[in-house]
Amino acid sequence: MAEKTLKILLSNDDGVHAQGIHALADSLRDIAEVTIVAPDRNRSGASNSLTLEQPLRVTEIAPKTYSVQGTPTDCVHFALNELMKDDLPDLVLSGINHGANLGDDVLYSGTVAAAMEGHFLGVQAVAFSLVGKQHFATAGKIARQIVEQHLNKPIPTNRLLNINVPDMDFDELKGIAVTRLGARHHAEAMIKQQDPRGHDIYWLGPPGKEQDAGEGTDFYAVDQGYVSVTPLQVDLTAHESLRSMDNWLKDQ
């Protein structure tokens, strides 16, 4: 009996033409059937947004490569509920993002959101980010290692994984560390300018500096030359607050 072909769906938030997603695809094509479904343009910071007020327009721009006029979440939602609904992929991989997704970046990240949509829809999902914009081959090798490890022994948790790879040669990496999310200070002040017509315009300020970046965090691991692997859960309930909240409401 023929061995089942591994099927992997790739998406991202940097767009279907981004270097990172093609580096990821190239690292996997000899061990898997790869399908790319990604936004038609950069949608960084889109988080988990869905397009609800207009239809999605999808174009196959190359064999098994689809450009979507929508968000990263739209892309994975379309792929799993329509394009691949009769033959679901074994994995949803998002990235390789052009830049870090560390700490509370994950709340805004379209890269993480694409993986999260795969997780929501029942497929093991992993988000990959390069903490820089040069060594995509290094991140591709790490992605390949993670996929092969999963094939040999499936990821032992019903969680999506957020993986950040230092921007350095593969041989310079010190290893892989399991981490928790760190945290940043508030973002810097907004930047006010004027357009050519004299109207005020505003740019978001740069991300804040690290606030919680000590040992055990994803910030610390990457700074020390390690790949950080952070398992994420979607349940945002503050379970430890349920009892006190119940008592507070009863005290009215």
Protein backbone atom coordinates (compact mmCIF):
# COMPACT_ATOMS: atom_id res chain seq x y z
CA MET A 1 0.00 0.00 0.00
CA ALA A 2 1.43 3.41 -1.02
CA GLU A 3 2.47 5.72 1.77
CA LYS A 4 0.16 8.72 2.25
CA THR A 5 1.59 11.97 0.89
CA LEU A 6 2.09 14.64 3.52
CA LYS A 7 -0.03 17.70 2.66
CA ILE A 8 0.87 21.14 4.00
CA LEU A 9 -0.99 24.43 3.66
CA LEU A 10 1.15 27.56 3.79
CA SER A 11 -0.05 31.10 4.46
CA ASN A 12 1.38 34.35 5.82
CA ASP A 13 0.68 38.05 6.34
CA ASP A 14 3.51 39.48 4.21
CA GLY A 15 1.77 38.52 0.97
CA VAL A 16 1.85 35.74 -1.59
CA HIS A 17 4.99 37.11 -3.27
CA ALA A 18 7.01 37.50 -0.05
CA GLN A 19 10.44 35.91 0.20
CA GLY A 20 9.64 34.20 3.49
CA ILE A 21 6.73 32.07 2.32
CA HIS A 22 8.65 30.85 -0.72
CA ALA A 23 11.68 30.00 1.41
CA LEU A 24 9.34 27.96 3.60
CA ALA A 25 7.82 26.22 0.58
CA ASP A 26 11.25 25.44 -0.89
CA SER A 27 12.36 23.84 2.38
CA LEU A 28 9.43 21.41 2.34
CA ARG A 29 8.57 20.54 -1.25
CA ASP A 30 10.69 17.38 -1.38
CA ILE A 31 8.87 15.87 1.63
CA ALA A 32 5.34 17.23 1.17
CA GLU A 33 2.70 18.41 -1.26
CA VAL A 34 2.66 22.15 -0.60
CA THR A 35 -0.27 24.48 -1.27
CA ILE A 36 0.16 28.24 -0.81
CA VAL A 37 -2.88 30.40 -0.05
CA ALA A 38 -1.82 33.90 0.97
CA PRO A 39 -2.92 37.55 0.78
CA ASP A 40 -2.41 39.42 -2.48
CA ARG A 41 -0.46 42.11 -0.60
CA ASN A 42 1.15 42.80 2.76
CA ARG A 43 -1.43 42.45 5.54
CA SER A 44 0.89 42.66 8.55
CA GLY A 45 -0.92 43.53 11.77
CA ALA A 46 -4.26 42.18 10.50
CA SER A 47 -4.59 39.89 13.51
CA ASN A 48 -7.64 37.60 13.32
CA SER A 49 -9.76 39.88 11.15
CA LEU A 50 -12.18 38.36 8.64
CA THR A 51 -13.61 40.02 5.53
CA LEU A 52 -17.38 40.08 6.03
CA GLU A 53 -18.73 42.95 3.90
CA GLN A 54 -17.34 41.93 0.50
CA PRO A 55 -16.55 38.69 -1.34
CA LEU A 56 -13.10 37.15 -1.46
CA ARG A 57 -11.47 37.16 -4.89
CA VAL A 58 -9.05 34.28 -5.36
CA THR A 59 -6.58 33.86 -8.23
CA GLU A 60 -4.35 30.83 -8.89
CA ILE A 61 -1.15 32.61 -9.89
CA ALA A 62 0.93 29.40 -10.20
CA PRO A 63 0.24 25.70 -9.67
CA LYS A 64 -1.05 25.27 -6.09
CA THR A 65 -0.34 28.94 -5.33
CA TYR A 66 -3.37 31.15 -4.68
CA SER A 67 -3.54 34.91 -4.18
CA VAL A 68 -6.47 36.11 -2.04
CA GLN A 69 -7.84 39.63 -1.76
CA GLY A 70 -8.28 39.26 1.97
CA THR A 71 -6.63 38.81 5.33
CA PRO A 72 -4.41 35.96 6.53
CA THR A 73 -7.37 34.52 8.44
CA ASP A 74 -9.51 34.74 5.29
CA CYS A 75 -6.86 32.76 3.42
CA VAL A 76 -6.76 29.83 5.82
CA HIS A 77 -10.54 29.90 6.28
CA PHE A 78 -11.02 29.71 2.50
CA ALA A 79 -8.40 27.00 2.08
CA LEU A 80 -9.79 24.67 4.74
CA ASN A 81 -13.49 25.31 4.18
CA GLU A 82 -13.49 25.41 0.39
CA LEU A 83 -10.30 24.78 -1.56
CA MET A 84 -9.11 21.73 0.43
CA LYS A 85 -12.32 20.78 2.23
CA ASP A 86 -12.42 17.29 0.69
CA ASP A 87 -8.76 16.54 1.40
CA LEU A 88 -7.62 18.56 4.41
CA PRO A 89 -3.90 19.21 4.93
CA ASP A 90 -1.95 17.51 7.69
CA LEU A 91 -0.40 20.80 8.79
CA VAL A 92 -1.03 24.53 8.49
CA LEU A 93 2.22 26.52 8.55
CA SER A 94 2.31 30.31 8.55
CA GLY A 95 5.32 32.43 7.64
CA ILE A 96 8.19 32.75 7.41
CA ASN A 97 7.36 36.20 8.75
CA HIS A 98 9.66 39.10 7.84
CA GLY A 99 10.41 40.10 11.42
CA ALA A 100 9.78 38.90 14.95
CA ASN A 101 6.49 37.88 16.55
CA LEU A 102 7.57 37.90 20.18
CA GLY A 103 5.65 38.57 23.38
CA ASP A 104 2.43 40.53 22.93
CA ASP A 105 3.19 40.93 19.21
CA VAL A 106 1.14 37.75 18.83
CA LEU A 107 -2.08 39.67 19.60
CA TYR A 108 -1.63 41.76 16.44
CA SER A 109 0.22 39.34 14.20
CA GLY A 110 -1.43 38.16 11.00
CA THR A 111 1.18 35.40 10.85
CA VAL A 112 0.06 33.97 14.18
CA ALA A 113 -3.59 34.57 13.25
CA ALA A 114 -3.27 32.46 10.11
CA ALA A 115 -1.92 29.59 12.19
CA MET A 116 -4.62 30.18 14.78
CA GLU A 117 -7.34 29.81 12.15
CA GLY A 118 -5.88 26.44 11.21
CA HIS A 119 -5.94 25.51 14.89
CA PHE A 120 -9.57 26.68 15.21
CA LEU A 121 -10.50 24.45 12.27
CA GLY A 122 -8.85 21.37 13.69
CA VAL A 123 -5.49 21.19 11.90
CA GLN A 124 -2.16 21.23 13.73
CA ALA A 125 -0.67 24.67 13.08
CA VAL A 126 2.69 26.41 13.49
CA ALA A 127 3.71 30.04 12.94
CA PHE A 128 7.32 30.79 11.92
CA SER A 129 9.02 34.18 12.14
CA LEU A 130 12.55 35.31 11.34
CA VAL A 131 13.80 37.92 13.80
CA GLY A 132 15.25 39.96 10.96
CA LYS A 133 15.13 39.89 7.17
CA GLN A 134 18.23 38.04 5.96
CA HIS A 135 18.61 34.39 6.95
CA PHE A 136 15.39 32.90 5.60
CA ALA A 137 17.29 29.71 4.75
CA THR A 138 18.00 29.24 8.47
CA ALA A 139 14.32 29.58 9.34
CA GLY A 140 13.47 27.19 6.49
CA LYS A 141 15.80 24.56 7.95
CA ILE A 142 14.20 24.96 11.38
CA ALA A 143 10.74 24.60 9.83
CA ARG A 144 11.87 21.43 8.10
CA GLN A 145 13.22 20.05 11.39
CA ILE A 146 9.94 20.80 13.18
CA VAL A 147 7.88 19.12 10.45
CA GLU A 148 10.11 16.03 10.43
CA GLN A 149 9.98 15.85 14.22
CA HIS A 150 6.17 16.05 14.05
CA LEU A 151 6.12 13.22 11.49
CA ASN A 152 8.29 11.02 13.68
CA LYS A 153 6.43 11.90 16.87
CA PRO A 154 3.40 14.22 16.66
CA ILE A 155 3.44 17.49 18.59
CA PRO A 156 2.34 16.37 22.09
CA THR A 157 -0.25 19.06 22.79
CA ASN A 158 -3.41 20.48 21.31
CA ARG A 159 -1.78 23.87 20.96
CA LEU A 160 -0.55 26.00 18.11
CA LEU A 161 3.14 26.79 18.16
CA ASN A 162 4.76 30.20 17.74
CA ILE A 163 8.38 29.85 16.60
CA ASN A 164 10.90 32.69 16.29
CA VAL A 165 14.28 32.12 14.64
CA PRO A 166 17.30 34.39 15.23
CA ASP A 167 18.58 36.08 12.08
CA MET A 168 21.88 34.22 11.78
CA ASP A 169 23.53 31.36 9.94
CA PHE A 170 22.09 27.97 10.85
CA ASP A 171 25.42 26.73 12.25
CA GLU A 172 25.54 29.69 14.65
CA LEU A 173 22.28 28.79 16.40
CA LYS A 174 22.76 27.56 19.96
CA GLY A 175 19.72 25.30 19.93
CA ILE A 176 15.97 25.34 20.44
CA ALA A 177 14.29 26.51 23.66
CA VAL A 178 10.70 26.09 24.81
CA THR A 179 9.61 29.50 26.08
CA ARG A 180 6.76 31.62 27.37
CA LEU A 181 5.67 34.91 25.85
CA GLY A 182 7.47 37.98 27.15
CA ALA A 183 5.95 41.45 27.11
CA ARG A 184 6.73 44.94 25.83
CA HIS A 185 6.20 48.41 27.25
CA HIS A 186 3.51 50.47 25.57
CA ALA A 187 4.25 51.53 22.00
CA GLU A 188 6.04 54.79 21.39
CA ALA A 189 4.05 57.98 20.70
CA MET A 190 2.29 58.34 17.36
CA ILE A 191 4.02 60.31 14.62
CA LYS A 192 2.04 63.30 13.35
CA GLN A 193 2.71 64.69 9.88
CA GLN A 194 0.86 66.54 7.14
CA ASP A 195 -0.03 65.31 3.68
CA PRO A 196 0.67 67.48 0.58
CA ARG A 197 -2.74 69.14 1.01
CA GLY A 198 -1.96 70.21 4.56
CA HIS A 199 -4.19 67.67 6.29
CA ASP A 200 -2.96 65.98 9.47
CA ILE A 201 -1.98 62.32 9.14
CA TYR A 202 -0.77 59.92 11.82
CA TRP A 203 1.59 56.95 11.82
CA LEU A 204 1.69 54.33 14.53
CA GLY A 205 4.82 54.66 16.63
CA PRO A 206 7.44 51.89 16.81
CA PRO A 207 6.85 48.97 19.19
CA GLY A 208 7.78 49.57 22.80
CA LYS A 209 10.92 48.18 24.39
CA GLU A 210 10.91 44.82 26.16
CA GLN A 211 9.41 44.92 29.64
CA ASP A 212 9.36 41.22 30.53
CA ALA A 213 12.32 39.71 28.70
CA GLY A 214 13.99 37.63 31.38
CA GLU A 215 15.16 34.05 31.30
CA GLY A 216 12.43 31.72 30.09
CA THR A 217 10.85 34.26 27.73
CA ASP A 218 10.89 34.18 23.95
CA PHE A 219 12.74 37.54 23.93
CA TYR A 220 15.53 36.11 26.08
CA ALA A 221 15.92 32.91 24.06
CA VAL A 222 16.25 34.72 20.73
CA ASP A 223 18.64 37.29 22.21
CA GLN A 224 20.85 34.42 23.40
CA GLY A 225 20.89 32.79 19.96
CA TYR A 226 18.21 30.13 20.51
CA VAL A 227 15.14 29.38 18.44
CA SER A 228 12.12 30.04 20.67
CA VAL A 229 9.16 27.65 20.57
CA THR A 230 6.11 28.90 22.46
CA PRO A 231 2.92 26.82 22.70
CA LEU A 232 -0.11 29.12 22.57
CA GLN A 233 -3.65 28.58 23.80
CA VAL A 234 -6.69 30.40 22.50
CA ASP A 235 -8.77 30.42 25.69
CA LEU A 236 -8.41 33.98 27.06
CA THR A 237 -10.57 33.32 30.12
CA ALA A 238 -8.96 34.51 33.36
CA HIS A 239 -9.96 31.32 35.17
CA GLU A 240 -8.42 32.40 38.49
CA SER A 241 -10.75 35.44 38.49
CA LEU A 242 -14.04 33.58 38.03
CA ARG A 243 -14.72 33.11 41.74
CA SER A 244 -13.87 36.69 42.75
CA MET A 245 -15.92 38.07 39.85
CA ASP A 246 -18.90 35.92 40.88
CA ASN A 247 -18.62 37.17 44.46
CA TRP A 248 -18.32 40.78 43.27
CA LEU A 249 -21.53 40.55 41.25
CA LYS A 250 -23.41 38.92 44.14
CA ASP A 251 -22.39 41.80 46.44
CA GLN A 252 -24.51 44.34 44.56
